[in-house]
Amino acid sequence: MNTKMYVGNLSYDTTEADIRDLFSKHGQVDDVALLTDRETGRPRGFGFVTMADKAGMEAAIKAINGLEVDGRPLKVNEARPRDERPSFGGGGGGGGGGGRGNRGGRGGRY
């Protein structure tokens, strides 16, 4: 049973404790994860909250989606598993060859 929610449009000032306090008013919170940029360590403005049960998740979505926190209206919905998210194709291919260049052809000798 999926009880994980996506929480978006977070202010960079919002902490995991703030989110846990907000969601715990609607049921038991099992986990809060606010994502950060790997290189800079700065918040990315979204995260995930996992509730203990479906009823708590549904109550939290109904109450918190659109609620303004730290000056920003939160976007809250049921998280989709990775395999259900839209795909944007694989990684790009290589850069192709670079023209004829010097490949040992006639070399301009004639």
PDB file of N, CA and C in Angstrom:
ATOM      1  N   MET A   1       0.851  -1.185   0.000  1.00  0.00           N
ATOM      2  CA  MET A   1       0.000   0.000   0.000  1.00  0.00           C
ATOM      3  C   MET A   1       0.892   1.242   0.000  1.00  0.00           C
ATOM      4  N   ASN A   2       0.697   2.087  -0.999  1.00  0.00           N
ATOM      5  CA  ASN A   2       1.502   3.293  -1.117  1.00  0.00           C
ATOM      6  C   ASN A   2       0.921   4.405  -0.252  1.00  0.00           C
ATOM      7  N   THR A   3       1.721   4.909   0.668  1.00  0.00           N
ATOM      8  CA  THR A   3       1.285   6.037   1.495  1.00  0.00           C
ATOM      9  C   THR A   3       2.304   7.167   1.408  1.00  0.00           C
ATOM     10  N   LYS A   4       3.060   7.184   0.315  1.00  0.00           N
ATOM     11  CA  LYS A   4       4.077   8.210   0.112  1.00  0.00           C
ATOM     12  C   LYS A   4       3.488   9.344  -0.714  1.00  0.00           C
ATOM     13  N   MET A   5       3.786  10.571  -0.296  1.00  0.00           N
ATOM     14  CA  MET A   5       3.294  11.758  -0.992  1.00  0.00           C
ATOM     15  C   MET A   5       4.447  12.603  -1.498  1.00  0.00           C
ATOM     16  N   TYR A   6       4.218  13.211  -2.643  1.00  0.00           N
ATOM     17  CA  TYR A   6       5.123  14.220  -3.179  1.00  0.00           C
ATOM     18  C   TYR A   6       4.704  15.550  -2.570  1.00  0.00           C
ATOM     19  N   VAL A   7       5.673  16.345  -2.124  1.00  0.00           N
ATOM     20  CA  VAL A   7       5.405  17.682  -1.593  1.00  0.00           C
ATOM     21  C   VAL A   7       6.283  18.651  -2.367  1.00  0.00           C
ATOM     22  N   GLY A   8       5.659  19.532  -3.136  1.00  0.00           N
ATOM     23  CA  GLY A   8       6.414  20.447  -3.983  1.00  0.00           C
ATOM     24  C   GLY A   8       6.148  21.903  -3.668  1.00  0.00           C
ATOM     25  N   ASN A   9       6.933  22.757  -4.307  1.00  0.00           N
ATOM     26  CA  ASN A   9       6.880  24.212  -4.151  1.00  0.00           C
ATOM     27  C   ASN A   9       7.270  24.647  -2.741  1.00  0.00           C
ATOM     28  N   LEU A  10       8.204  23.906  -2.149  1.00  0.00           N
ATOM     29  CA  LEU A  10       8.670  24.233  -0.804  1.00  0.00           C
ATOM     30  C   LEU A  10       9.626  25.418  -0.825  1.00  0.00           C
ATOM     31  N   SER A  11       9.498  26.265   0.174  1.00  0.00           N
ATOM     32  CA  SER A  11      10.462  27.348   0.367  1.00  0.00           C
ATOM     33  C   SER A  11      11.796  26.722   0.780  1.00  0.00           C
ATOM     34  N   TYR A  12      12.886  27.351   0.404  1.00  0.00           N
ATOM     35  CA  TYR A  12      14.200  26.858   0.818  1.00  0.00           C
ATOM     36  C   TYR A  12      14.388  26.969   2.326  1.00  0.00           C
ATOM     37  N   ASP A  13      13.520  27.750   3.003  1.00  0.00           N
ATOM     38  CA  ASP A  13      13.599  27.915   4.456  1.00  0.00           C
ATOM     39  C   ASP A  13      12.842  26.826   5.221  1.00  0.00           C
ATOM     40  N   THR A  14      12.004  26.062   4.527  1.00  0.00           N
ATOM     41  CA  THR A  14      11.205  25.029   5.180  1.00  0.00           C
ATOM     42  C   THR A  14      12.089  23.833   5.528  1.00  0.00           C
ATOM     43  N   THR A  15      11.958  23.346   6.760  1.00  0.00           N
ATOM     44  CA  THR A  15      12.792  22.235   7.228  1.00  0.00           C
ATOM     45  C   THR A  15      11.980  20.934   7.296  1.00  0.00           C
ATOM     46  N   GLU A  16      12.687  19.820   7.443  1.00  0.00           N
ATOM     47  CA  GLU A  16      12.014  18.528   7.617  1.00  0.00           C
ATOM     48  C   GLU A  16      11.145  18.542   8.869  1.00  0.00           C
ATOM     49  N   ALA A  17      11.617  19.207   9.929  1.00  0.00           N
ATOM     50  CA  ALA A  17      10.823  19.288  11.165  1.00  0.00           C
ATOM     51  C   ALA A  17       9.519  20.049  10.917  1.00  0.00           C
ATOM     52  N   ASP A  18       9.586  21.138  10.135  1.00  0.00           N
ATOM     53  CA  ASP A  18       8.368  21.898   9.808  1.00  0.00           C
ATOM     54  C   ASP A  18       7.353  21.005   9.099  1.00  0.00           C
ATOM     55  N   ILE A  19       7.839  20.243   8.124  1.00  0.00           N
ATOM     56  CA  ILE A  19       6.957  19.372   7.339  1.00  0.00           C
ATOM     57  C   ILE A  19       6.396  18.251   8.212  1.00  0.00           C
ATOM     58  N   ARG A  20       7.233  17.661   9.055  1.00  0.00           N
ATOM     59  CA  ARG A  20       6.767  16.591   9.949  1.00  0.00           C
ATOM     60  C   ARG A  20       5.669  17.113  10.874  1.00  0.00           C
ATOM     61  N   ASP A  21       5.871  18.301  11.446  1.00  0.00           N
ATOM     62  CA  ASP A  21       4.853  18.887  12.339  1.00  0.00           C
ATOM     63  C   ASP A  21       3.546  19.128  11.598  1.00  0.00           C
ATOM     64  N   LEU A  22       3.640  19.658  10.381  1.00  0.00           N
ATOM     65  CA  LEU A  22       2.453  19.968   9.585  1.00  0.00           C
ATOM     66  C   LEU A  22       1.662  18.705   9.244  1.00  0.00           C
ATOM     67  N   PHE A  23       2.346  17.672   8.774  1.00  0.00           N
ATOM     68  CA  PHE A  23       1.674  16.446   8.345  1.00  0.00           C
ATOM     69  C   PHE A  23       1.205  15.601   9.519  1.00  0.00           C
ATOM     70  N   SER A  24       1.886  15.673  10.660  1.00  0.00           N
ATOM     71  CA  SER A  24       1.516  14.832  11.800  1.00  0.00           C
ATOM     72  C   SER A  24       0.161  15.225  12.393  1.00  0.00           C
ATOM     73  N   LYS A  25      -0.364  16.368  12.027  1.00  0.00           N
ATOM     74  CA  LYS A  25      -1.706  16.765  12.473  1.00  0.00           C
ATOM     75  C   LYS A  25      -2.778  15.902  11.814  1.00  0.00           C
ATOM     76  N   HIS A  26      -2.394  15.145  10.784  1.00  0.00           N
ATOM     77  CA  HIS A  26      -3.364  14.366  10.015  1.00  0.00           C
ATOM     78  C   HIS A  26      -3.126  12.861  10.114  1.00  0.00           C
ATOM     79  N   GLY A  27      -2.147  12.448  10.909  1.00  0.00           N
ATOM     80  CA  GLY A  27      -1.862  11.022  11.099  1.00  0.00           C
ATOM     81  C   GLY A  27      -0.395  10.813  11.422  1.00  0.00           C
ATOM     82  N   GLN A  28      -0.020   9.563  11.630  1.00  0.00           N
ATOM     83  CA  GLN A  28       1.367   9.241  11.977  1.00  0.00           C
ATOM     84  C   GLN A  28       2.261   9.370  10.749  1.00  0.00           C
ATOM     85  N   VAL A  29       3.344  10.136  10.899  1.00  0.00           N
ATOM     86  CA  VAL A  29       4.325  10.321   9.828  1.00  0.00           C
ATOM     87  C   VAL A  29       5.452   9.323  10.034  1.00  0.00           C
ATOM     88  N   ASP A  30       5.687   8.481   9.020  1.00  0.00           N
ATOM     89  CA  ASP A  30       6.772   7.500   9.108  1.00  0.00           C
ATOM     90  C   ASP A  30       8.106   8.058   8.630  1.00  0.00           C
ATOM     91  N   ASP A  31       8.066   8.938   7.607  1.00  0.00           N
ATOM     92  CA  ASP A  31       9.324   9.440   7.048  1.00  0.00           C
ATOM     93  C   ASP A  31       9.110  10.767   6.349  1.00  0.00           C
ATOM     94  N   VAL A  32      10.108  11.637   6.437  1.00  0.00           N
ATOM     95  CA  VAL A  32      10.137  12.906   5.699  1.00  0.00           C
ATOM     96  C   VAL A  32      11.497  13.011   5.037  1.00  0.00           C
ATOM     97  N   ALA A  33      11.513  13.293   3.741  1.00  0.00           N
ATOM     98  CA  ALA A  33      12.777  13.452   3.015  1.00  0.00           C
ATOM     99  C   ALA A  33      12.668  14.662   2.104  1.00  0.00           C
ATOM    100  N   LEU A  34      13.413  15.726   2.425  1.00  0.00           N
ATOM    101  CA  LEU A  34      13.477  16.906   1.566  1.00  0.00           C
ATOM    102  C   LEU A  34      14.763  16.796   0.754  1.00  0.00           C
ATOM    103  N   LEU A  35      14.646  16.831  -0.554  1.00  0.00           N
ATOM    104  CA  LEU A  35      15.802  16.604  -1.408  1.00  0.00           C
ATOM    105  C   LEU A  35      16.683  17.839  -1.540  1.00  0.00           C
ATOM    106  N   THR A  36      17.984  17.580  -1.635  1.00  0.00           N
ATOM    107  CA  THR A  36      18.957  18.665  -1.807  1.00  0.00           C
ATOM    108  C   THR A  36      19.804  18.389  -3.042  1.00  0.00           C
ATOM    109  N   ASP A  37      20.374  19.434  -3.579  1.00  0.00           N
ATOM    110  CA  ASP A  37      21.270  19.317  -4.728  1.00  0.00           C
ATOM    111  C   ASP A  37      22.555  18.628  -4.281  1.00  0.00           C
ATOM    112  N   ARG A  38      22.999  17.614  -5.019  1.00  0.00           N
ATOM    113  CA  ARG A  38      24.195  16.855  -4.634  1.00  0.00           C
ATOM    114  C   ARG A  38      25.447  17.714  -4.617  1.00  0.00           C
ATOM    115  N   GLU A  39      25.547  18.634  -5.563  1.00  0.00           N
ATOM    116  CA  GLU A  39      26.777  19.421  -5.676  1.00  0.00           C
ATOM    117  C   GLU A  39      26.819  20.586  -4.698  1.00  0.00           C
ATOM    118  N   THR A  40      25.688  21.294  -4.548  1.00  0.00           N
ATOM    119  CA  THR A  40      25.698  22.496  -3.724  1.00  0.00           C
ATOM    120  C   THR A  40      25.175  22.259  -2.313  1.00  0.00           C
ATOM    121  N   GLY A  41      24.395  21.189  -2.114  1.00  0.00           N
ATOM    122  CA  GLY A  41      23.809  20.935  -0.807  1.00  0.00           C
ATOM    123  C   GLY A  41      22.581  21.786  -0.531  1.00  0.00           C
ATOM    124  N   ARG A  42      22.207  22.629  -1.483  1.00  0.00           N
ATOM    125  CA  ARG A  42      21.031  23.505  -1.299  1.00  0.00           C
ATOM    126  C   ARG A  42      19.740  22.718  -1.528  1.00  0.00           C
ATOM    127  N   PRO A  43      18.664  23.127  -0.852  1.00  0.00           N
ATOM    128  CA  PRO A  43      17.372  22.452  -1.056  1.00  0.00           C
ATOM    129  C   PRO A  43      16.906  22.576  -2.502  1.00  0.00           C
ATOM    130  N   ARG A  44      16.197  21.542  -2.982  1.00  0.00           N
ATOM    131  CA  ARG A  44      15.682  21.548  -4.346  1.00  0.00           C
ATOM    132  C   ARG A  44      14.228  21.999  -4.403  1.00  0.00           C
ATOM    133  N   GLY A  45      13.605  22.248  -3.243  1.00  0.00           N
ATOM    134  CA  GLY A  45      12.243  22.777  -3.228  1.00  0.00           C
ATOM    135  C   GLY A  45      11.151  21.729  -3.282  1.00  0.00           C
ATOM    136  N   PHE A  46      11.514  20.454  -3.091  1.00  0.00           N
ATOM    137  CA  PHE A  46      10.492  19.414  -3.014  1.00  0.00           C
ATOM    138  C   PHE A  46      10.999  18.261  -2.174  1.00  0.00           C
ATOM    139  N   GLY A  47      10.069  17.369  -1.839  1.00  0.00           N
ATOM    140  CA  GLY A  47      10.448  16.214  -1.048  1.00  0.00           C
ATOM    141  C   GLY A  47       9.316  15.213  -0.995  1.00  0.00           C
ATOM    142  N   PHE A  48       9.435  14.265  -0.074  1.00  0.00           N
ATOM    143  CA  PHE A  48       8.451  13.201   0.056  1.00  0.00           C
ATOM    144  C   PHE A  48       8.137  12.971   1.524  1.00  0.00           C
ATOM    145  N   VAL A  49       6.861  12.682   1.792  1.00  0.00           N
ATOM    146  CA  VAL A  49       6.404  12.349   3.139  1.00  0.00           C
ATOM    147  C   VAL A  49       5.691  11.010   3.051  1.00  0.00           C
ATOM    148  N   THR A  50       6.014  10.102   3.967  1.00  0.00           N
ATOM    149  CA  THR A  50       5.344   8.806   4.032  1.00  0.00           C
ATOM    150  C   THR A  50       4.532   8.750   5.317  1.00  0.00           C
ATOM    151  N   MET A  51       3.246   8.470   5.160  1.00  0.00           N
ATOM    152  CA  MET A  51       2.349   8.352   6.308  1.00  0.00           C
ATOM    153  C   MET A  51       2.208   6.876   6.675  1.00  0.00           C
ATOM    154  N   ALA A  52       1.730   6.605   7.882  1.00  0.00           N
ATOM    155  CA  ALA A  52       1.574   5.233   8.355  1.00  0.00           C
ATOM    156  C   ALA A  52       0.419   4.509   7.672  1.00  0.00           C
ATOM    157  N   ASP A  53      -0.604   5.264   7.251  1.00  0.00           N
ATOM    158  CA  ASP A  53      -1.747   4.601   6.616  1.00  0.00           C
ATOM    159  C   ASP A  53      -2.381   5.494   5.553  1.00  0.00           C
ATOM    160  N   LYS A  54      -3.213   4.867   4.736  1.00  0.00           N
ATOM    161  CA  LYS A  54      -3.855   5.537   3.603  1.00  0.00           C
ATOM    162  C   LYS A  54      -4.790   6.660   4.064  1.00  0.00           C
ATOM    163  N   ALA A  55      -5.513   6.442   5.165  1.00  0.00           N
ATOM    164  CA  ALA A  55      -6.444   7.459   5.671  1.00  0.00           C
ATOM    165  C   ALA A  55      -5.690   8.737   6.048  1.00  0.00           C
ATOM    166  N   GLY A  56      -4.551   8.584   6.705  1.00  0.00           N
ATOM    167  CA  GLY A  56      -3.736   9.749   7.072  1.00  0.00           C
ATOM    168  C   GLY A  56      -3.214  10.471   5.849  1.00  0.00           C
ATOM    169  N   MET A  57      -2.801   9.690   4.844  1.00  0.00           N
ATOM    170  CA  MET A  57      -2.305  10.297   3.616  1.00  0.00           C
ATOM    171  C   MET A  57      -3.409  11.103   2.927  1.00  0.00           C
ATOM    172  N   GLU A  58      -4.585  10.511   2.801  1.00  0.00           N
ATOM    173  CA  GLU A  58      -5.693  11.202   2.129  1.00  0.00           C
ATOM    174  C   GLU A  58      -6.105  12.456   2.880  1.00  0.00           C
ATOM    175  N   ALA A  59      -6.143  12.391   4.222  1.00  0.00           N
ATOM    176  CA  ALA A  59      -6.484  13.565   5.031  1.00  0.00           C
ATOM    177  C   ALA A  59      -5.444  14.666   4.856  1.00  0.00           C
ATOM    178  N   ALA A  60      -4.171  14.285   4.818  1.00  0.00           N
ATOM    179  CA  ALA A  60      -3.099  15.272   4.665  1.00  0.00           C
ATOM    180  C   ALA A  60      -3.165  15.941   3.297  1.00  0.00           C
ATOM    181  N   ILE A  61      -3.392  15.158   2.247  1.00  0.00           N
ATOM    182  CA  ILE A  61      -3.474  15.735   0.899  1.00  0.00           C
ATOM    183  C   ILE A  61      -4.615  16.742   0.842  1.00  0.00           C
ATOM    184  N   LYS A  62      -5.770  16.350   1.364  1.00  0.00           N
ATOM    185  CA  LYS A  62      -6.954  17.216   1.325  1.00  0.00           C
ATOM    186  C   LYS A  62      -6.703  18.527   2.093  1.00  0.00           C
ATOM    187  N   ALA A  63      -6.044  18.424   3.243  1.00  0.00           N
ATOM    188  CA  ALA A  63      -5.841  19.596   4.098  1.00  0.00           C
ATOM    189  C   ALA A  63      -4.664  20.475   3.673  1.00  0.00           C
ATOM    190  N   ILE A  64      -3.599  19.878   3.134  1.00  0.00           N
ATOM    191  CA  ILE A  64      -2.355  20.626   2.936  1.00  0.00           C
ATOM    192  C   ILE A  64      -2.140  21.081   1.498  1.00  0.00           C
ATOM    193  N   ASN A  65      -2.668  20.360   0.510  1.00  0.00           N
ATOM    194  CA  ASN A  65      -2.479  20.768  -0.883  1.00  0.00           C
ATOM    195  C   ASN A  65      -3.040  22.180  -1.078  1.00  0.00           C
ATOM    196  N   GLY A  66      -2.192  23.098  -1.512  1.00  0.00           N
ATOM    197  CA  GLY A  66      -2.591  24.490  -1.720  1.00  0.00           C
ATOM    198  C   GLY A  66      -2.389  25.382  -0.497  1.00  0.00           C
ATOM    199  N   LEU A  67      -2.097  24.792   0.651  1.00  0.00           N
ATOM    200  CA  LEU A  67      -1.866  25.557   1.877  1.00  0.00           C
ATOM    201  C   LEU A  67      -0.573  26.356   1.755  1.00  0.00           C
ATOM    202  N   GLU A  68      -0.592  27.614   2.183  1.00  0.00           N
ATOM    203  CA  GLU A  68       0.606  28.440   2.102  1.00  0.00           C
ATOM    204  C   GLU A  68       1.501  28.200   3.317  1.00  0.00           C
ATOM    205  N   VAL A  69       2.752  27.829   3.047  1.00  0.00           N
ATOM    206  CA  VAL A  69       3.746  27.583   4.094  1.00  0.00           C
ATOM    207  C   VAL A  69       5.004  28.358   3.719  1.00  0.00           C
ATOM    208  N   ASP A  70       5.484  29.183   4.637  1.00  0.00           N
ATOM    209  CA  ASP A  70       6.654  30.031   4.374  1.00  0.00           C
ATOM    210  C   ASP A  70       6.474  30.845   3.095  1.00  0.00           C
ATOM    211  N   GLY A  71       5.242  31.328   2.868  1.00  0.00           N
ATOM    212  CA  GLY A  71       4.970  32.210   1.733  1.00  0.00           C
ATOM    213  C   GLY A  71       4.744  31.520   0.405  1.00  0.00           C
ATOM    214  N   ARG A  72       4.655  30.186   0.395  1.00  0.00           N
ATOM    215  CA  ARG A  72       4.477  29.458  -0.870  1.00  0.00           C
ATOM    216  C   ARG A  72       3.350  28.443  -0.733  1.00  0.00           C
ATOM    217  N   PRO A  73       2.458  28.363  -1.730  1.00  0.00           N
ATOM    218  CA  PRO A  73       1.395  27.349  -1.688  1.00  0.00           C
ATOM    219  C   PRO A  73       1.970  25.963  -2.021  1.00  0.00           C
ATOM    220  N   LEU A  74       1.798  25.023  -1.104  1.00  0.00           N
ATOM    221  CA  LEU A  74       2.360  23.688  -1.301  1.00  0.00           C
ATOM    222  C   LEU A  74       1.553  22.891  -2.317  1.00  0.00           C
ATOM    223  N   LYS A  75       2.248  22.053  -3.043  1.00  0.00           N
ATOM    224  CA  LYS A  75       1.625  21.110  -3.966  1.00  0.00           C
ATOM    225  C   LYS A  75       1.835  19.724  -3.368  1.00  0.00           C
ATOM    226  N   VAL A  76       0.742  19.066  -3.007  1.00  0.00           N
ATOM    227  CA  VAL A  76       0.827  17.757  -2.342  1.00  0.00           C
ATOM    228  C   VAL A  76      -0.049  16.772  -3.098  1.00  0.00           C
ATOM    229  N   ASN A  77       0.534  15.635  -3.486  1.00  0.00           N
ATOM    230  CA  ASN A  77      -0.249  14.570  -4.106  1.00  0.00           C
ATOM    231  C   ASN A  77       0.419  13.225  -3.855  1.00  0.00           C
ATOM    232  N   GLU A  78      -0.304  12.167  -4.164  1.00  0.00           N
ATOM    233  CA  GLU A  78       0.239  10.827  -3.960  1.00  0.00           C
ATOM    234  C   GLU A  78       1.431  10.628  -4.890  1.00  0.00           C
ATOM    235  N   ALA A  79       2.524  10.167  -4.324  1.00  0.00           N
ATOM    236  CA  ALA A  79       3.736   9.945  -5.128  1.00  0.00           C
ATOM    237  C   ALA A  79       3.509   8.759  -6.051  1.00  0.00           C
ATOM    238  N   ARG A  80       4.004   8.894  -7.270  1.00  0.00           N
ATOM    239  CA  ARG A  80       3.916   7.786  -8.229  1.00  0.00           C
ATOM    240  C   ARG A  80       5.198   6.975  -8.169  1.00  0.00           C
ATOM    241  N   PRO A  81       5.083   5.654  -8.243  1.00  0.00           N
ATOM    242  CA  PRO A  81       6.309   4.835  -8.285  1.00  0.00           C
ATOM    243  C   PRO A  81       7.161   5.213  -9.496  1.00  0.00           C
ATOM    244  N   ARG A  82       8.447   4.987  -9.408  1.00  0.00           N
ATOM    245  CA  ARG A  82       9.377   5.369 -10.473  1.00  0.00           C
ATOM    246  C   ARG A  82       8.959   4.856 -11.846  1.00  0.00           C
ATOM    247  N   ASP A  83       8.448   3.630 -11.929  1.00  0.00           N
ATOM    248  CA  ASP A  83       8.120   3.080 -13.238  1.00  0.00           C
ATOM    249  C   ASP A  83       6.849   3.673 -13.843  1.00  0.00           C
ATOM    250  N   GLU A  84       6.100   4.462 -13.100  1.00  0.00           N
ATOM    251  CA  GLU A  84       4.892   5.092 -13.632  1.00  0.00           C
ATOM    252  C   GLU A  84       5.124   6.534 -14.063  1.00  0.00           C
ATOM    253  N   ARG A  85       6.298   7.063 -13.772  1.00  0.00           N
ATOM    254  CA  ARG A  85       6.568   8.444 -14.152  1.00  0.00           C
ATOM    255  C   ARG A  85       6.847   8.523 -15.637  1.00  0.00           C
ATOM    256  N   PRO A  86       6.518   9.651 -16.264  1.00  0.00           N
ATOM    257  CA  PRO A  86       6.790   9.758 -17.705  1.00  0.00           C
ATOM    258  C   PRO A  86       8.277   9.688 -17.990  1.00  0.00           C
ATOM    259  N   SER A  87       8.607   9.034 -19.079  1.00  0.00           N
ATOM    260  CA  SER A  87      10.001   8.874 -19.468  1.00  0.00           C
ATOM    261  C   SER A  87      10.391   9.993 -20.423  1.00  0.00           C
ATOM    262  N   PHE A  88      11.584  10.456 -20.301  1.00  0.00           N
ATOM    263  CA  PHE A  88      12.081  11.496 -21.199  1.00  0.00           C
ATOM    264  C   PHE A  88      13.167  10.928 -22.095  1.00  0.00           C
ATOM    265  N   GLY A  89      13.085   9.650 -22.386  1.00  0.00           N
ATOM    266  CA  GLY A  89      14.080   9.008 -23.250  1.00  0.00           C
ATOM    267  C   GLY A  89      15.323   8.668 -22.450  1.00  0.00           C
ATOM    268  N   GLY A  90      16.177   7.910 -23.080  1.00  0.00           N
ATOM    269  CA  GLY A  90      17.417   7.528 -22.409  1.00  0.00           C
ATOM    270  C   GLY A  90      18.413   8.662 -22.484  1.00  0.00           C
ATOM    271  N   GLY A  91      19.601   8.379 -22.077  1.00  0.00           N
ATOM    272  CA  GLY A  91      20.659   9.377 -22.196  1.00  0.00           C
ATOM    273  C   GLY A  91      20.931   9.637 -23.663  1.00  0.00           C
ATOM    274  N   GLY A  92      21.466  10.773 -23.982  1.00  0.00           N
ATOM    275  CA  GLY A  92      21.737  11.093 -25.379  1.00  0.00           C
ATOM    276  C   GLY A  92      22.798  10.183 -25.945  1.00  0.00           C
ATOM    277  N   GLY A  93      22.789  10.040 -27.254  1.00  0.00           N
ATOM    278  CA  GLY A  93      23.818   9.230 -27.896  1.00  0.00           C
ATOM    279  C   GLY A  93      25.122  10.001 -27.927  1.00  0.00           C
ATOM    280  N   GLY A  94      26.113   9.404 -28.508  1.00  0.00           N
ATOM    281  CA  GLY A  94      27.403  10.079 -28.632  1.00  0.00           C
ATOM    282  C   GLY A  94      27.309  11.229 -29.605  1.00  0.00           C
ATOM    283  N   GLY A  95      28.368  11.904 -29.821  1.00  0.00           N
ATOM    284  CA  GLY A  95      28.355  13.095 -30.654  1.00  0.00           C
ATOM    285  C   GLY A  95      28.629  12.828 -32.124  1.00  0.00           C
ATOM    286  N   GLY A  96      28.555  11.636 -32.614  1.00  0.00           N
ATOM    287  CA  GLY A  96      28.786  11.408 -34.037  1.00  0.00           C
ATOM    288  C   GLY A  96      30.232  11.726 -34.416  1.00  0.00           C
ATOM    289  N   GLY A  97      30.600  11.390 -35.595  1.00  0.00           N
ATOM    290  CA  GLY A  97      31.970  11.625 -36.051  1.00  0.00           C
ATOM    291  C   GLY A  97      32.194  13.091 -36.370  1.00  0.00           C
ATOM    292  N   GLY A  98      33.387  13.437 -36.653  1.00  0.00           N
ATOM    293  CA  GLY A  98      33.712  14.836 -36.916  1.00  0.00           C
ATOM    294  C   GLY A  98      34.171  15.069 -38.346  1.00  0.00           C
ATOM    295  N   GLY A  99      33.342  14.811 -39.325  1.00  0.00           N
ATOM    296  CA  GLY A  99      33.739  15.070 -40.718  1.00  0.00           C
ATOM    297  C   GLY A  99      34.794  14.075 -41.181  1.00  0.00           C
ATOM    298  N   ARG A 100      35.379  14.328 -42.321  1.00  0.00           N
ATOM    299  CA  ARG A 100      36.355  13.373 -42.869  1.00  0.00           C
ATOM    300  C   ARG A 100      37.696  13.451 -42.160  1.00  0.00           C
ATOM    301  N   GLY A 101      38.107  14.638 -41.813  1.00  0.00           N
ATOM    302  CA  GLY A 101      39.372  14.792 -41.108  1.00  0.00           C
ATOM    303  C   GLY A 101      40.520  14.148 -41.864  1.00  0.00           C
ATOM    304  N   ASN A 102      41.560  13.784 -41.189  1.00  0.00           N
ATOM    305  CA  ASN A 102      42.721  13.163 -41.802  1.00  0.00           C
ATOM    306  C   ASN A 102      42.682  11.667 -41.506  1.00  0.00           C
ATOM    307  N   ARG A 103      42.084  10.912 -42.419  1.00  0.00           N
ATOM    308  CA  ARG A 103      41.938   9.470 -42.193  1.00  0.00           C
ATOM    309  C   ARG A 103      42.855   8.673 -43.097  1.00  0.00           C
ATOM    310  N   GLY A 104      43.880   9.270 -43.582  1.00  0.00           N
ATOM    311  CA  GLY A 104      44.854   8.536 -44.367  1.00  0.00           C
ATOM    312  C   GLY A 104      44.441   8.325 -45.813  1.00  0.00           C
ATOM    313  N   GLY A 105      43.428   8.986 -46.272  1.00  0.00           N
ATOM    314  CA  GLY A 105      43.007   8.859 -47.665  1.00  0.00           C
ATOM    315  C   GLY A 105      44.161   9.212 -48.590  1.00  0.00           C
ATOM    316  N   ARG A 106      43.871   9.876 -49.633  1.00  0.00           N
ATOM    317  CA  ARG A 106      44.930  10.228 -50.585  1.00  0.00           C
ATOM    318  C   ARG A 106      45.857  11.296 -50.019  1.00  0.00           C
ATOM    319  N   GLY A 107      45.367  12.031 -49.044  1.00  0.00           N
ATOM    320  CA  GLY A 107      46.242  13.022 -48.420  1.00  0.00           C
ATOM    321  C   GLY A 107      46.656  14.150 -49.347  1.00  0.00           C
ATOM    322  N   GLY A 108      45.956  14.358 -50.415  1.00  0.00           N
ATOM    323  CA  GLY A 108      46.263  15.473 -51.318  1.00  0.00           C
ATOM    324  C   GLY A 108      47.540  15.292 -52.102  1.00  0.00           C
ATOM    325  N   ARG A 109      47.988  14.076 -52.333  1.00  0.00           N
ATOM    326  CA  ARG A 109      49.247  13.870 -53.044  1.00  0.00           C
ATOM    327  C   ARG A 109      49.063  13.904 -54.556  1.00  0.00           C
ATOM    328  N   TYR A 110      47.873  13.876 -55.093  1.00  0.00           N
ATOM    329  CA  TYR A 110      47.712  13.826 -56.538  1.00  0.00           C
ATOM    330  C   TYR A 110      47.284  15.133 -57.097  1.00  0.00           C
TER     331      TYR A 110
END
